[in-house]
Amino acid sequence: MHVWPVQDAKARFSEFLDACVTDGPQVVTRRGTETAVLVRIDEWRRLQAAARPSLKQLLLADSARTDMLVPQRGKARRRQAVPLR
């Protein structure tokens, strides 16, 4: 994996992108700290699919995941009552 300072990645983006396609993931640093990674789209999709739990995993999980699936109640704005004259 090659490490690119953000200035070089910006200045030589085509080369940066080509290196990702031919050599694999490329790391971008900002002020010496690893900040981001550029990966091929097929690798990204594989990682996304692996990170998402299947329906079977959700149903068999010990802990409930309703906090992610159901929005909190009572957070909707209500209309103000208009007084009758």
PDB file of N, CA and C in Angstrom:
ATOM      1  N   MET A   1       0.846  -1.171   0.000  1.00  0.00           N
ATOM      2  CA  MET A   1       0.000   0.000   0.000  1.00  0.00           C
ATOM      3  C   MET A   1       0.895   1.238   0.000  1.00  0.00           C
ATOM      4  N   HIS A   2       0.636   2.128  -0.899  1.00  0.00           N
ATOM      5  CA  HIS A   2       1.409   3.357  -1.017  1.00  0.00           C
ATOM      6  C   HIS A   2       0.737   4.455  -0.204  1.00  0.00           C
ATOM      7  N   VAL A   3       1.540   5.313   0.402  1.00  0.00           N
ATOM      8  CA  VAL A   3       1.018   6.422   1.212  1.00  0.00           C
ATOM      9  C   VAL A   3       1.227   7.718   0.446  1.00  0.00           C
ATOM     10  N   TRP A   4       0.150   8.504   0.332  1.00  0.00           N
ATOM     11  CA  TRP A   4       0.173   9.766  -0.396  1.00  0.00           C
ATOM     12  C   TRP A   4      -0.168  10.909   0.545  1.00  0.00           C
ATOM     13  N   PRO A   5       0.670  11.937   0.616  1.00  0.00           N
ATOM     14  CA  PRO A   5       0.232  13.156   1.296  1.00  0.00           C
ATOM     15  C   PRO A   5      -0.924  13.769   0.507  1.00  0.00           C
ATOM     16  N   VAL A   6      -1.838  14.420   1.180  1.00  0.00           N
ATOM     17  CA  VAL A   6      -3.037  14.941   0.521  1.00  0.00           C
ATOM     18  C   VAL A   6      -2.677  15.893  -0.626  1.00  0.00           C
ATOM     19  N   GLN A   7      -1.604  16.658  -0.485  1.00  0.00           N
ATOM     20  CA  GLN A   7      -1.209  17.586  -1.547  1.00  0.00           C
ATOM     21  C   GLN A   7      -0.833  16.824  -2.820  1.00  0.00           C
ATOM     22  N   ASP A   8      -0.087  15.721  -2.662  1.00  0.00           N
ATOM     23  CA  ASP A   8       0.306  14.920  -3.826  1.00  0.00           C
ATOM     24  C   ASP A   8      -0.902  14.221  -4.448  1.00  0.00           C
ATOM     25  N   ALA A   9      -1.800  13.711  -3.607  1.00  0.00           N
ATOM     26  CA  ALA A   9      -2.997  13.039  -4.121  1.00  0.00           C
ATOM     27  C   ALA A   9      -3.848  14.008  -4.936  1.00  0.00           C
ATOM     28  N   LYS A  10      -3.957  15.256  -4.463  1.00  0.00           N
ATOM     29  CA  LYS A  10      -4.724  16.255  -5.198  1.00  0.00           C
ATOM     30  C   LYS A  10      -4.022  16.655  -6.491  1.00  0.00           C
ATOM     31  N   ALA A  11      -2.735  16.876  -6.423  1.00  0.00           N
ATOM     32  CA  ALA A  11      -1.988  17.358  -7.585  1.00  0.00           C
ATOM     33  C   ALA A  11      -1.852  16.290  -8.671  1.00  0.00           C
ATOM     34  N   ARG A  12      -1.784  15.022  -8.256  1.00  0.00           N
ATOM     35  CA  ARG A  12      -1.587  13.938  -9.216  1.00  0.00           C
ATOM     36  C   ARG A  12      -2.724  12.922  -9.114  1.00  0.00           C
ATOM     37  N   PHE A  13      -3.956  13.412  -9.150  1.00  0.00           N
ATOM     38  CA  PHE A  13      -5.112  12.551  -8.901  1.00  0.00           C
ATOM     39  C   PHE A  13      -5.220  11.400  -9.896  1.00  0.00           C
ATOM     40  N   SER A  14      -4.967  11.649 -11.163  1.00  0.00           N
ATOM     41  CA  SER A  14      -5.052  10.572 -12.166  1.00  0.00           C
ATOM     42  C   SER A  14      -4.071   9.453 -11.846  1.00  0.00           C
ATOM     43  N   GLU A  15      -2.856   9.822 -11.480  1.00  0.00           N
ATOM     44  CA  GLU A  15      -1.848   8.830 -11.106  1.00  0.00           C
ATOM     45  C   GLU A  15      -2.268   8.101  -9.828  1.00  0.00           C
ATOM     46  N   PHE A  16      -2.827   8.849  -8.887  1.00  0.00           N
ATOM     47  CA  PHE A  16      -3.330   8.303  -7.624  1.00  0.00           C
ATOM     48  C   PHE A  16      -4.429   7.266  -7.899  1.00  0.00           C
ATOM     49  N   LEU A  17      -5.360   7.601  -8.776  1.00  0.00           N
ATOM     50  CA  LEU A  17      -6.453   6.709  -9.134  1.00  0.00           C
ATOM     51  C   LEU A  17      -5.933   5.473  -9.871  1.00  0.00           C
ATOM     52  N   ASP A  18      -5.011   5.669 -10.802  1.00  0.00           N
ATOM     53  CA  ASP A  18      -4.426   4.536 -11.535  1.00  0.00           C
ATOM     54  C   ASP A  18      -3.689   3.589 -10.593  1.00  0.00           C
ATOM     55  N   ALA A  19      -2.984   4.156  -9.613  1.00  0.00           N
ATOM     56  CA  ALA A  19      -2.272   3.324  -8.639  1.00  0.00           C
ATOM     57  C   ALA A  19      -3.251   2.485  -7.830  1.00  0.00           C
ATOM     58  N   CYS A  20      -4.381   3.041  -7.514  1.00  0.00           N
ATOM     59  CA  CYS A  20      -5.409   2.298  -6.784  1.00  0.00           C
ATOM     60  C   CYS A  20      -5.907   1.119  -7.606  1.00  0.00           C
ATOM     61  N   VAL A  21      -6.153   1.359  -8.886  1.00  0.00           N
ATOM     62  CA  VAL A  21      -6.681   0.311  -9.760  1.00  0.00           C
ATOM     63  C   VAL A  21      -5.648  -0.791  -9.984  1.00  0.00           C
ATOM     64  N   THR A  22      -4.385  -0.425 -10.172  1.00  0.00           N
ATOM     65  CA  THR A  22      -3.366  -1.428 -10.494  1.00  0.00           C
ATOM     66  C   THR A  22      -2.690  -2.028  -9.261  1.00  0.00           C
ATOM     67  N   ASP A  23      -2.438  -1.216  -8.226  1.00  0.00           N
ATOM     68  CA  ASP A  23      -1.649  -1.678  -7.081  1.00  0.00           C
ATOM     69  C   ASP A  23      -2.465  -1.974  -5.833  1.00  0.00           C
ATOM     70  N   GLY A  24      -3.735  -1.590  -5.823  1.00  0.00           N
ATOM     71  CA  GLY A  24      -4.557  -1.832  -4.637  1.00  0.00           C
ATOM     72  C   GLY A  24      -4.794  -0.559  -3.852  1.00  0.00           C
ATOM     73  N   PRO A  25      -5.297  -0.695  -2.629  1.00  0.00           N
ATOM     74  CA  PRO A  25      -5.659   0.469  -1.813  1.00  0.00           C
ATOM     75  C   PRO A  25      -4.499   1.452  -1.628  1.00  0.00           C
ATOM     76  N   GLN A  26      -4.850   2.745  -1.633  1.00  0.00           N
ATOM     77  CA  GLN A  26      -3.876   3.819  -1.470  1.00  0.00           C
ATOM     78  C   GLN A  26      -4.282   4.654  -0.252  1.00  0.00           C
ATOM     79  N   VAL A  27      -3.342   4.916   0.640  1.00  0.00           N
ATOM     80  CA  VAL A  27      -3.609   5.669   1.864  1.00  0.00           C
ATOM     81  C   VAL A  27      -3.294   7.138   1.642  1.00  0.00           C
ATOM     82  N   VAL A  28      -4.159   8.017   2.148  1.00  0.00           N
ATOM     83  CA  VAL A  28      -3.945   9.463   2.077  1.00  0.00           C
ATOM     84  C   VAL A  28      -3.671   9.958   3.488  1.00  0.00           C
ATOM     85  N   THR A  29      -2.620  10.786   3.614  1.00  0.00           N
ATOM     86  CA  THR A  29      -2.296  11.356   4.919  1.00  0.00           C
ATOM     87  C   THR A  29      -2.487  12.868   4.901  1.00  0.00           C
ATOM     88  N   ARG A  30      -2.869  13.394   6.047  1.00  0.00           N
ATOM     89  CA  ARG A  30      -2.974  14.846   6.229  1.00  0.00           C
ATOM     90  C   ARG A  30      -2.154  15.177   7.466  1.00  0.00           C
ATOM     91  N   ARG A  31      -1.147  16.015   7.270  1.00  0.00           N
ATOM     92  CA  ARG A  31      -0.231  16.400   8.342  1.00  0.00           C
ATOM     93  C   ARG A  31       0.395  15.183   9.023  1.00  0.00           C
ATOM     94  N   GLY A  32       0.702  14.154   8.217  1.00  0.00           N
ATOM     95  CA  GLY A  32       1.373  12.961   8.722  1.00  0.00           C
ATOM     96  C   GLY A  32       0.459  11.925   9.348  1.00  0.00           C
ATOM     97  N   THR A  33      -0.834  12.194   9.419  1.00  0.00           N
ATOM     98  CA  THR A  33      -1.786  11.259  10.011  1.00  0.00           C
ATOM     99  C   THR A  33      -2.590  10.578   8.912  1.00  0.00           C
ATOM    100  N   GLU A  34      -2.665   9.242   8.965  1.00  0.00           N
ATOM    101  CA  GLU A  34      -3.460   8.518   7.980  1.00  0.00           C
ATOM    102  C   GLU A  34      -4.911   8.948   8.119  1.00  0.00           C
ATOM    103  N   THR A  35      -5.489   9.425   7.012  1.00  0.00           N
ATOM    104  CA  THR A  35      -6.820  10.026   7.052  1.00  0.00           C
ATOM    105  C   THR A  35      -7.849   9.258   6.243  1.00  0.00           C
ATOM    106  N   ALA A  36      -7.470   8.745   5.085  1.00  0.00           N
ATOM    107  CA  ALA A  36      -8.431   8.081   4.208  1.00  0.00           C
ATOM    108  C   ALA A  36      -7.727   7.020   3.377  1.00  0.00           C
ATOM    109  N   VAL A  37      -8.554   6.162   2.762  1.00  0.00           N
ATOM    110  CA  VAL A  37      -8.036   5.118   1.875  1.00  0.00           C
ATOM    111  C   VAL A  37      -8.867   5.122   0.598  1.00  0.00           C
ATOM    112  N   LEU A  38      -8.216   5.086  -0.535  1.00  0.00           N
ATOM    113  CA  LEU A  38      -8.903   4.957  -1.818  1.00  0.00           C
ATOM    114  C   LEU A  38      -8.821   3.495  -2.215  1.00  0.00           C
ATOM    115  N   VAL A  39      -9.997   2.876  -2.452  1.00  0.00           N
ATOM    116  CA  VAL A  39     -10.050   1.468  -2.854  1.00  0.00           C
ATOM    117  C   VAL A  39     -10.869   1.336  -4.135  1.00  0.00           C
ATOM    118  N   ARG A  40     -10.676   0.229  -4.836  1.00  0.00           N
ATOM    119  CA  ARG A  40     -11.459  -0.043  -6.045  1.00  0.00           C
ATOM    120  C   ARG A  40     -12.922  -0.200  -5.680  1.00  0.00           C
ATOM    121  N   ILE A  41     -13.811   0.101  -6.610  1.00  0.00           N
ATOM    122  CA  ILE A  41     -15.246   0.055  -6.358  1.00  0.00           C
ATOM    123  C   ILE A  41     -15.717  -1.352  -6.027  1.00  0.00           C
ATOM    124  N   ASP A  42     -15.158  -2.378  -6.644  1.00  0.00           N
ATOM    125  CA  ASP A  42     -15.583  -3.741  -6.334  1.00  0.00           C
ATOM    126  C   ASP A  42     -15.196  -4.128  -4.906  1.00  0.00           C
ATOM    127  N   GLU A  43     -14.047  -3.668  -4.461  1.00  0.00           N
ATOM    128  CA  GLU A  43     -13.631  -3.913  -3.073  1.00  0.00           C
ATOM    129  C   GLU A  43     -14.553  -3.176  -2.102  1.00  0.00           C
ATOM    130  N   TRP A  44     -14.912  -1.949  -2.427  1.00  0.00           N
ATOM    131  CA  TRP A  44     -15.821  -1.167  -1.583  1.00  0.00           C
ATOM    132  C   TRP A  44     -17.173  -1.863  -1.454  1.00  0.00           C
ATOM    133  N   ARG A  45     -17.717  -2.332  -2.565  1.00  0.00           N
ATOM    134  CA  ARG A  45     -19.013  -3.019  -2.536  1.00  0.00           C
ATOM    135  C   ARG A  45     -18.943  -4.307  -1.725  1.00  0.00           C
ATOM    136  N   ARG A  46     -17.825  -5.020  -1.825  1.00  0.00           N
ATOM    137  CA  ARG A  46     -17.652  -6.243  -1.047  1.00  0.00           C
ATOM    138  C   ARG A  46     -17.626  -5.923   0.444  1.00  0.00           C
ATOM    139  N   LEU A  47     -16.915  -4.868   0.814  1.00  0.00           N
ATOM    140  CA  LEU A  47     -16.848  -4.456   2.218  1.00  0.00           C
ATOM    141  C   LEU A  47     -18.212  -4.006   2.731  1.00  0.00           C
ATOM    142  N   GLN A  48     -18.954  -3.273   1.909  1.00  0.00           N
ATOM    143  CA  GLN A  48     -20.288  -2.815   2.302  1.00  0.00           C
ATOM    144  C   GLN A  48     -21.221  -3.998   2.532  1.00  0.00           C
ATOM    145  N   ALA A  49     -21.181  -4.982   1.644  1.00  0.00           N
ATOM    146  CA  ALA A  49     -22.051  -6.151   1.780  1.00  0.00           C
ATOM    147  C   ALA A  49     -21.684  -6.965   3.020  1.00  0.00           C
ATOM    148  N   ALA A  50     -20.400  -7.061   3.316  1.00  0.00           N
ATOM    149  CA  ALA A  50     -19.965  -7.827   4.478  1.00  0.00           C
ATOM    150  C   ALA A  50     -20.339  -7.129   5.786  1.00  0.00           C
ATOM    151  N   ALA A  51     -20.424  -5.808   5.783  1.00  0.00           N
ATOM    152  CA  ALA A  51     -20.723  -5.054   6.999  1.00  0.00           C
ATOM    153  C   ALA A  51     -22.211  -5.040   7.319  1.00  0.00           C
ATOM    154  N   ARG A  52     -23.074  -5.279   6.351  1.00  0.00           N
ATOM    155  CA  ARG A  52     -24.517  -5.229   6.536  1.00  0.00           C
ATOM    156  C   ARG A  52     -25.010  -6.587   7.011  1.00  0.00           C
ATOM    157  N   PRO A  53     -25.687  -6.647   8.170  1.00  0.00           N
ATOM    158  CA  PRO A  53     -26.178  -7.937   8.642  1.00  0.00           C
ATOM    159  C   PRO A  53     -27.336  -8.440   7.779  1.00  0.00           C
ATOM    160  N   SER A  54     -27.420  -9.751   7.644  1.00  0.00           N
ATOM    161  CA  SER A  54     -28.520 -10.341   6.875  1.00  0.00           C
ATOM    162  C   SER A  54     -29.775 -10.391   7.743  1.00  0.00           C
ATOM    163  N   LEU A  55     -30.911 -10.636   7.123  1.00  0.00           N
ATOM    164  CA  LEU A  55     -32.162 -10.748   7.859  1.00  0.00           C
ATOM    165  C   LEU A  55     -32.076 -11.895   8.864  1.00  0.00           C
ATOM    166  N   LYS A  56     -31.459 -12.980   8.457  1.00  0.00           N
ATOM    167  CA  LYS A  56     -31.308 -14.122   9.359  1.00  0.00           C
ATOM    168  C   LYS A  56     -30.495 -13.728  10.589  1.00  0.00           C
ATOM    169  N   GLN A  57     -29.403 -13.003  10.399  1.00  0.00           N
ATOM    170  CA  GLN A  57     -28.584 -12.560  11.521  1.00  0.00           C
ATOM    171  C   GLN A  57     -29.361 -11.631  12.434  1.00  0.00           C
ATOM    172  N   LEU A  58     -30.164 -10.738  11.862  1.00  0.00           N
ATOM    173  CA  LEU A  58     -30.970  -9.832  12.671  1.00  0.00           C
ATOM    174  C   LEU A  58     -31.997 -10.588  13.502  1.00  0.00           C
ATOM    175  N   LEU A  59     -32.659 -11.577  12.895  1.00  0.00           N
ATOM    176  CA  LEU A  59     -33.688 -12.334  13.602  1.00  0.00           C
ATOM    177  C   LEU A  59     -33.111 -13.234  14.687  1.00  0.00           C
ATOM    178  N   LEU A  60     -31.909 -13.736  14.479  1.00  0.00           N
ATOM    179  CA  LEU A  60     -31.298 -14.635  15.455  1.00  0.00           C
ATOM    180  C   LEU A  60     -30.436 -13.920  16.497  1.00  0.00           C
ATOM    181  N   ALA A  61     -30.307 -12.617  16.383  1.00  0.00           N
ATOM    182  CA  ALA A  61     -29.454 -11.856  17.307  1.00  0.00           C
ATOM    183  C   ALA A  61     -30.036 -11.880  18.721  1.00  0.00           C
ATOM    184  N   ASP A  62     -29.157 -11.913  19.729  1.00  0.00           N
ATOM    185  CA  ASP A  62     -29.580 -11.903  21.125  1.00  0.00           C
ATOM    186  C   ASP A  62     -30.195 -10.568  21.516  1.00  0.00           C
ATOM    187  N   SER A  63     -29.636  -9.497  21.010  1.00  0.00           N
ATOM    188  CA  SER A  63     -30.133  -8.169  21.381  1.00  0.00           C
ATOM    189  C   SER A  63     -31.078  -7.651  20.304  1.00  0.00           C
ATOM    190  N   ALA A  64     -32.076  -6.916  20.747  1.00  0.00           N
ATOM    191  CA  ALA A  64     -33.033  -6.330  19.807  1.00  0.00           C
ATOM    192  C   ALA A  64     -32.386  -5.167  19.078  1.00  0.00           C
ATOM    193  N   ARG A  65     -32.759  -4.980  17.846  1.00  0.00           N
ATOM    194  CA  ARG A  65     -32.215  -3.872  17.058  1.00  0.00           C
ATOM    195  C   ARG A  65     -33.309  -2.892  16.692  1.00  0.00           C
ATOM    196  N   THR A  66     -34.320  -2.797  17.519  1.00  0.00           N
ATOM    197  CA  THR A  66     -35.435  -1.917  17.204  1.00  0.00           C
ATOM    198  C   THR A  66     -35.044  -0.456  17.264  1.00  0.00           C
ATOM    199  N   ASP A  67     -33.991  -0.124  18.003  1.00  0.00           N
ATOM    200  CA  ASP A  67     -33.568   1.275  18.064  1.00  0.00           C
ATOM    201  C   ASP A  67     -33.124   1.783  16.705  1.00  0.00           C
ATOM    202  N   MET A  68     -32.650   0.892  15.832  1.00  0.00           N
ATOM    203  CA  MET A  68     -32.243   1.306  14.492  1.00  0.00           C
ATOM    204  C   MET A  68     -33.428   1.303  13.535  1.00  0.00           C
ATOM    205  N   LEU A  69     -34.423   0.474  13.797  1.00  0.00           N
ATOM    206  CA  LEU A  69     -35.507   0.281  12.849  1.00  0.00           C
ATOM    207  C   LEU A  69     -36.708   1.171  13.099  1.00  0.00           C
ATOM    208  N   VAL A  70     -36.930   1.555  14.355  1.00  0.00           N
ATOM    209  CA  VAL A  70     -38.129   2.311  14.704  1.00  0.00           C
ATOM    210  C   VAL A  70     -37.720   3.701  15.188  1.00  0.00           C
ATOM    211  N   PRO A  71     -38.264   4.759  14.610  1.00  0.00           N
ATOM    212  CA  PRO A  71     -37.907   6.111  15.069  1.00  0.00           C
ATOM    213  C   PRO A  71     -38.477   6.377  16.457  1.00  0.00           C
ATOM    214  N   GLN A  72     -37.861   7.291  17.188  1.00  0.00           N
ATOM    215  CA  GLN A  72     -38.336   7.637  18.522  1.00  0.00           C
ATOM    216  C   GLN A  72     -39.705   8.288  18.437  1.00  0.00           C
ATOM    217  N   ARG A  73     -40.531   7.988  19.423  1.00  0.00           N
ATOM    218  CA  ARG A  73     -41.871   8.554  19.453  1.00  0.00           C
ATOM    219  C   ARG A  73     -41.836   9.918  20.112  1.00  0.00           C
ATOM    220  N   GLY A  74     -42.798  10.745  19.737  1.00  0.00           N
ATOM    221  CA  GLY A  74     -42.957  12.044  20.374  1.00  0.00           C
ATOM    222  C   GLY A  74     -42.025  13.127  19.873  1.00  0.00           C
ATOM    223  N   LYS A  75     -41.297  12.861  18.848  1.00  0.00           N
ATOM    224  CA  LYS A  75     -40.344  13.852  18.333  1.00  0.00           C
ATOM    225  C   LYS A  75     -40.943  14.701  17.210  1.00  0.00           C
ATOM    226  N   ALA A  76     -42.142  14.348  16.751  1.00  0.00           N
ATOM    227  CA  ALA A  76     -42.767  15.095  15.658  1.00  0.00           C
ATOM    228  C   ALA A  76     -43.284  16.440  16.169  1.00  0.00           C
ATOM    229  N   ARG A  77     -43.199  17.446  15.326  1.00  0.00           N
ATOM    230  CA  ARG A  77     -43.748  18.753  15.702  1.00  0.00           C
ATOM    231  C   ARG A  77     -45.249  18.712  15.531  1.00  0.00           C
ATOM    232  N   ARG A  78     -45.925  19.267  16.479  1.00  0.00           N
ATOM    233  CA  ARG A  78     -47.382  19.295  16.420  1.00  0.00           C
ATOM    234  C   ARG A  78     -47.854  20.680  16.046  1.00  0.00           C
ATOM    235  N   ARG A  79     -49.003  20.733  15.374  1.00  0.00           N
ATOM    236  CA  ARG A  79     -49.578  22.030  15.011  1.00  0.00           C
ATOM    237  C   ARG A  79     -50.158  22.694  16.250  1.00  0.00           C
ATOM    238  N   GLN A  80     -50.058  23.996  16.275  1.00  0.00           N
ATOM    239  CA  GLN A  80     -50.631  24.768  17.372  1.00  0.00           C
ATOM    240  C   GLN A  80     -52.150  24.824  17.205  1.00  0.00           C
ATOM    241  N   ALA A  81     -52.856  24.708  18.310  1.00  0.00           N
ATOM    242  CA  ALA A  81     -54.314  24.799  18.265  1.00  0.00           C
ATOM    243  C   ALA A  81     -54.703  26.256  17.967  1.00  0.00           C
ATOM    244  N   VAL A  82     -55.661  26.413  17.078  1.00  0.00           N
ATOM    245  CA  VAL A  82     -56.139  27.740  16.720  1.00  0.00           C
ATOM    246  C   VAL A  82     -57.370  28.035  17.591  1.00  0.00           C
ATOM    247  N   PRO A  83     -57.333  29.111  18.393  1.00  0.00           N
ATOM    248  CA  PRO A  83     -58.481  29.404  19.256  1.00  0.00           C
ATOM    249  C   PRO A  83     -59.698  29.789  18.421  1.00  0.00           C
ATOM    250  N   LEU A  84     -60.859  29.301  18.839  1.00  0.00           N
ATOM    251  CA  LEU A  84     -62.112  29.634  18.164  1.00  0.00           C
ATOM    252  C   LEU A  84     -62.595  30.993  18.657  1.00  0.00           C
ATOM    253  N   ARG A  85     -63.201  31.789  17.795  1.00  0.00           N
ATOM    254  CA  ARG A  85     -63.669  33.111  18.193  1.00  0.00           C
ATOM    255  C   ARG A  85     -65.137  33.160  18.309  1.00  0.00           C
TER     256      ARG A  85
END
